[in-house]
Amino acid sequence: MIEKKIKDILKNKITDSKIFIQDMNGNQDHFSLIVISSKFENLSIIKQHKMIYDALGSMMTNEIHALQIKTFTWEKWKNKN
């Protein structure tokens, strides 16, 4: 399943992360992603999202058609929830 593949890749590339992923259309190519990690500390949203795109590499042009990304540091996640 592609969700597991995405989750495994991100867990390996962005250590200490918690990942929530949802298939948005049932076709296994449009996903909503929430990633929480201390690696995002002091990084702009653009740099945080670039970390996700870099980690997923060629999946972004082959297996994933659309990806909605929300990133949080642990502190921001705790404050939000």
N, C-alpha and C. Protein backbone atom coordinates (compact mmCIF):
# COMPACT_ATOMS: atom_id res chain seq x y z
N MET A 1 0.84 -1.19 0.00
CA MET A 1 0.00 0.00 0.00
C MET A 1 0.88 1.25 0.00
N ILE A 2 0.55 2.19 -0.82
CA ILE A 2 1.40 3.37 -1.02
C ILE A 2 1.48 4.25 0.25
N GLU A 3 0.40 4.29 1.06
CA GLU A 3 0.45 5.07 2.30
C GLU A 3 1.57 4.58 3.20
N LYS A 4 1.70 3.26 3.32
CA LYS A 4 2.76 2.69 4.16
C LYS A 4 4.13 3.03 3.60
N LYS A 5 4.27 2.97 2.28
CA LYS A 5 5.54 3.31 1.64
C LYS A 5 5.93 4.76 1.93
N ILE A 6 4.97 5.67 1.79
CA ILE A 6 5.21 7.09 2.07
C ILE A 6 5.61 7.27 3.53
N LYS A 7 4.85 6.65 4.42
CA LYS A 7 5.11 6.76 5.86
C LYS A 7 6.50 6.23 6.21
N ASP A 8 6.86 5.07 5.66
CA ASP A 8 8.16 4.46 5.94
C ASP A 8 9.31 5.35 5.45
N ILE A 9 9.16 5.89 4.25
CA ILE A 9 10.21 6.77 3.70
C ILE A 9 10.38 8.00 4.59
N LEU A 10 9.28 8.63 4.95
CA LEU A 10 9.37 9.84 5.76
C LEU A 10 9.91 9.55 7.16
N LYS A 11 9.52 8.42 7.75
CA LYS A 11 10.03 8.05 9.08
C LYS A 11 11.54 7.86 9.05
N ASN A 12 12.05 7.29 7.95
CA ASN A 12 13.49 7.06 7.82
C ASN A 12 14.26 8.34 7.54
N LYS A 13 13.66 9.26 6.78
CA LYS A 13 14.35 10.49 6.39
C LYS A 13 14.19 11.61 7.42
N ILE A 14 13.04 11.64 8.09
CA ILE A 14 12.77 12.69 9.08
C ILE A 14 12.57 12.00 10.43
N THR A 15 13.67 11.81 11.11
CA THR A 15 13.63 11.09 12.38
C THR A 15 12.80 11.84 13.40
N ASP A 16 12.32 11.15 14.37
CA ASP A 16 11.46 11.61 15.46
C ASP A 16 10.12 12.15 14.96
N SER A 17 9.71 11.74 13.77
CA SER A 17 8.48 12.27 13.19
C SER A 17 7.27 11.40 13.53
N LYS A 18 6.15 12.05 13.59
CA LYS A 18 4.84 11.40 13.67
C LYS A 18 4.13 11.78 12.38
N ILE A 19 3.58 10.80 11.69
CA ILE A 19 3.01 11.03 10.37
C ILE A 19 1.57 10.54 10.31
N PHE A 20 0.71 11.41 9.81
CA PHE A 20 -0.68 11.05 9.54
C PHE A 20 -0.89 11.22 8.04
N ILE A 21 -1.45 10.20 7.40
CA ILE A 21 -1.65 10.26 5.96
C ILE A 21 -3.05 9.75 5.62
N GLN A 22 -3.66 10.41 4.65
CA GLN A 22 -5.01 10.03 4.24
C GLN A 22 -5.10 10.06 2.72
N ASP A 23 -5.66 9.00 2.15
CA ASP A 23 -5.93 8.94 0.72
C ASP A 23 -7.17 9.79 0.47
N MET A 24 -7.03 10.83 -0.33
CA MET A 24 -8.11 11.81 -0.50
C MET A 24 -9.18 11.41 -1.51
N ASN A 25 -8.86 10.51 -2.44
CA ASN A 25 -9.85 10.17 -3.46
C ASN A 25 -10.05 8.68 -3.68
N GLY A 26 -9.35 7.86 -2.93
CA GLY A 26 -9.49 6.41 -3.07
C GLY A 26 -8.71 5.82 -4.22
N ASN A 27 -7.96 6.63 -4.94
CA ASN A 27 -7.20 6.15 -6.10
C ASN A 27 -5.71 5.95 -5.80
N GLN A 28 -5.32 6.16 -4.55
CA GLN A 28 -3.92 5.98 -4.14
C GLN A 28 -2.95 6.91 -4.87
N ASP A 29 -3.42 8.14 -5.21
CA ASP A 29 -2.50 9.09 -5.83
C ASP A 29 -2.69 10.53 -5.36
N HIS A 30 -3.71 10.80 -4.55
CA HIS A 30 -3.95 12.12 -3.94
C HIS A 30 -3.96 11.92 -2.42
N PHE A 31 -3.06 12.61 -1.73
CA PHE A 31 -2.93 12.39 -0.29
C PHE A 31 -2.91 13.69 0.50
N SER A 32 -3.40 13.59 1.72
CA SER A 32 -3.26 14.64 2.71
C SER A 32 -2.27 14.12 3.75
N LEU A 33 -1.31 14.96 4.10
CA LEU A 33 -0.22 14.53 4.95
C LEU A 33 0.01 15.54 6.07
N ILE A 34 0.11 15.03 7.29
CA ILE A 34 0.53 15.84 8.43
C ILE A 34 1.80 15.21 8.98
N VAL A 35 2.84 16.02 9.11
CA VAL A 35 4.11 15.53 9.64
C VAL A 35 4.52 16.42 10.81
N ILE A 36 4.80 15.78 11.93
CA ILE A 36 5.24 16.49 13.14
C ILE A 36 6.66 16.05 13.44
N SER A 37 7.57 17.02 13.60
CA SER A 37 8.96 16.67 13.88
C SER A 37 9.71 17.85 14.46
N SER A 38 10.66 17.55 15.33
CA SER A 38 11.53 18.60 15.86
C SER A 38 12.52 19.07 14.79
N LYS A 39 12.68 18.31 13.71
CA LYS A 39 13.57 18.71 12.61
C LYS A 39 13.07 19.98 11.93
N PHE A 40 11.81 20.35 12.14
CA PHE A 40 11.24 21.55 11.53
C PHE A 40 11.52 22.82 12.33
N GLU A 41 12.13 22.68 13.51
CA GLU A 41 12.44 23.84 14.34
C GLU A 41 13.26 24.86 13.56
N ASN A 42 12.85 26.11 13.64
CA ASN A 42 13.55 27.24 13.03
C ASN A 42 13.65 27.18 11.50
N LEU A 43 12.79 26.38 10.87
CA LEU A 43 12.74 26.33 9.41
C LEU A 43 11.45 26.97 8.92
N SER A 44 11.53 27.65 7.80
CA SER A 44 10.31 28.21 7.20
C SER A 44 9.42 27.07 6.71
N ILE A 45 8.15 27.38 6.49
CA ILE A 45 7.21 26.39 5.96
C ILE A 45 7.73 25.85 4.62
N ILE A 46 8.27 26.72 3.80
CA ILE A 46 8.80 26.29 2.50
C ILE A 46 9.91 25.26 2.68
N LYS A 47 10.82 25.51 3.60
CA LYS A 47 11.91 24.55 3.84
C LYS A 47 11.41 23.25 4.46
N GLN A 48 10.40 23.36 5.31
CA GLN A 48 9.80 22.15 5.89
C GLN A 48 9.18 21.29 4.79
N HIS A 49 8.43 21.91 3.90
CA HIS A 49 7.78 21.18 2.82
C HIS A 49 8.81 20.63 1.84
N LYS A 50 9.89 21.38 1.63
CA LYS A 50 10.95 20.90 0.75
C LYS A 50 11.58 19.63 1.32
N MET A 51 11.69 19.54 2.63
CA MET A 51 12.21 18.32 3.25
C MET A 51 11.32 17.12 2.88
N ILE A 52 10.01 17.34 2.89
CA ILE A 52 9.06 16.27 2.54
C ILE A 52 9.25 15.87 1.07
N TYR A 53 9.25 16.87 0.19
CA TYR A 53 9.41 16.60 -1.24
C TYR A 53 10.74 15.91 -1.54
N ASP A 54 11.81 16.38 -0.91
CA ASP A 54 13.13 15.77 -1.12
C ASP A 54 13.13 14.31 -0.65
N ALA A 55 12.50 14.05 0.48
CA ALA A 55 12.46 12.69 1.01
C ALA A 55 11.69 11.75 0.07
N LEU A 56 10.60 12.25 -0.50
CA LEU A 56 9.78 11.40 -1.37
C LEU A 56 10.34 11.27 -2.78
N GLY A 57 11.21 12.19 -3.16
CA GLY A 57 11.93 12.08 -4.42
C GLY A 57 11.05 11.82 -5.62
N SER A 58 11.39 10.78 -6.38
CA SER A 58 10.70 10.49 -7.64
C SER A 58 9.27 10.00 -7.46
N MET A 59 8.88 9.66 -6.24
CA MET A 59 7.48 9.29 -6.00
C MET A 59 6.56 10.45 -6.37
N MET A 60 7.06 11.68 -6.21
CA MET A 60 6.25 12.86 -6.49
C MET A 60 5.90 13.00 -7.97
N THR A 61 6.69 12.47 -8.83
CA THR A 61 6.39 12.58 -10.25
C THR A 61 5.85 11.27 -10.83
N ASN A 62 5.94 10.20 -10.08
CA ASN A 62 5.50 8.90 -10.59
C ASN A 62 4.26 8.36 -9.89
N GLU A 63 4.32 8.21 -8.58
CA GLU A 63 3.23 7.56 -7.86
C GLU A 63 2.25 8.53 -7.21
N ILE A 64 2.71 9.71 -6.87
CA ILE A 64 1.87 10.68 -6.18
C ILE A 64 1.52 11.81 -7.15
N HIS A 65 0.24 12.01 -7.37
CA HIS A 65 -0.21 13.07 -8.27
C HIS A 65 -0.40 14.39 -7.52
N ALA A 66 -0.95 14.31 -6.30
CA ALA A 66 -1.21 15.52 -5.50
C ALA A 66 -0.93 15.22 -4.03
N LEU A 67 -0.36 16.21 -3.35
CA LEU A 67 -0.02 16.03 -1.94
C LEU A 67 -0.30 17.32 -1.18
N GLN A 68 -1.21 17.24 -0.25
CA GLN A 68 -1.50 18.37 0.65
C GLN A 68 -0.64 18.14 1.89
N ILE A 69 0.17 19.13 2.25
CA ILE A 69 1.12 18.96 3.36
C ILE A 69 0.85 19.98 4.45
N LYS A 70 0.84 19.48 5.69
CA LYS A 70 0.85 20.35 6.88
C LYS A 70 1.98 19.84 7.75
N THR A 71 2.86 20.76 8.15
CA THR A 71 3.99 20.39 9.00
C THR A 71 3.92 21.17 10.31
N PHE A 72 4.38 20.52 11.36
CA PHE A 72 4.37 21.10 12.70
C PHE A 72 5.61 20.69 13.46
N THR A 73 6.11 21.58 14.30
CA THR A 73 7.08 21.17 15.31
C THR A 73 6.26 20.54 16.43
N TRP A 74 6.92 19.83 17.32
CA TRP A 74 6.18 19.22 18.43
C TRP A 74 5.49 20.28 19.28
N GLU A 75 6.16 21.39 19.50
CA GLU A 75 5.59 22.47 20.32
C GLU A 75 4.33 23.05 19.67
N LYS A 76 4.40 23.32 18.37
CA LYS A 76 3.23 23.87 17.66
C LYS A 76 2.09 22.86 17.64
N TRP A 77 2.42 21.59 17.51
CA TRP A 77 1.38 20.54 17.51
C TRP A 77 0.68 20.50 18.86
N LYS A 78 1.46 20.57 19.94
CA LYS A 78 0.88 20.54 21.29
C LYS A 78 -0.02 21.75 21.51
N ASN A 79 0.42 22.91 21.05
CA ASN A 79 -0.38 24.14 21.20
C ASN A 79 -1.67 24.09 20.38
N LYS A 80 -1.61 23.45 19.23
CA LYS A 80 -2.77 23.36 18.34
C LYS A 80 -3.80 22.35 18.86
N ASN A 81 -3.30 21.30 19.48
CA ASN A 81 -4.18 20.21 19.93
C ASN A 81 -4.23 20.21 21.43
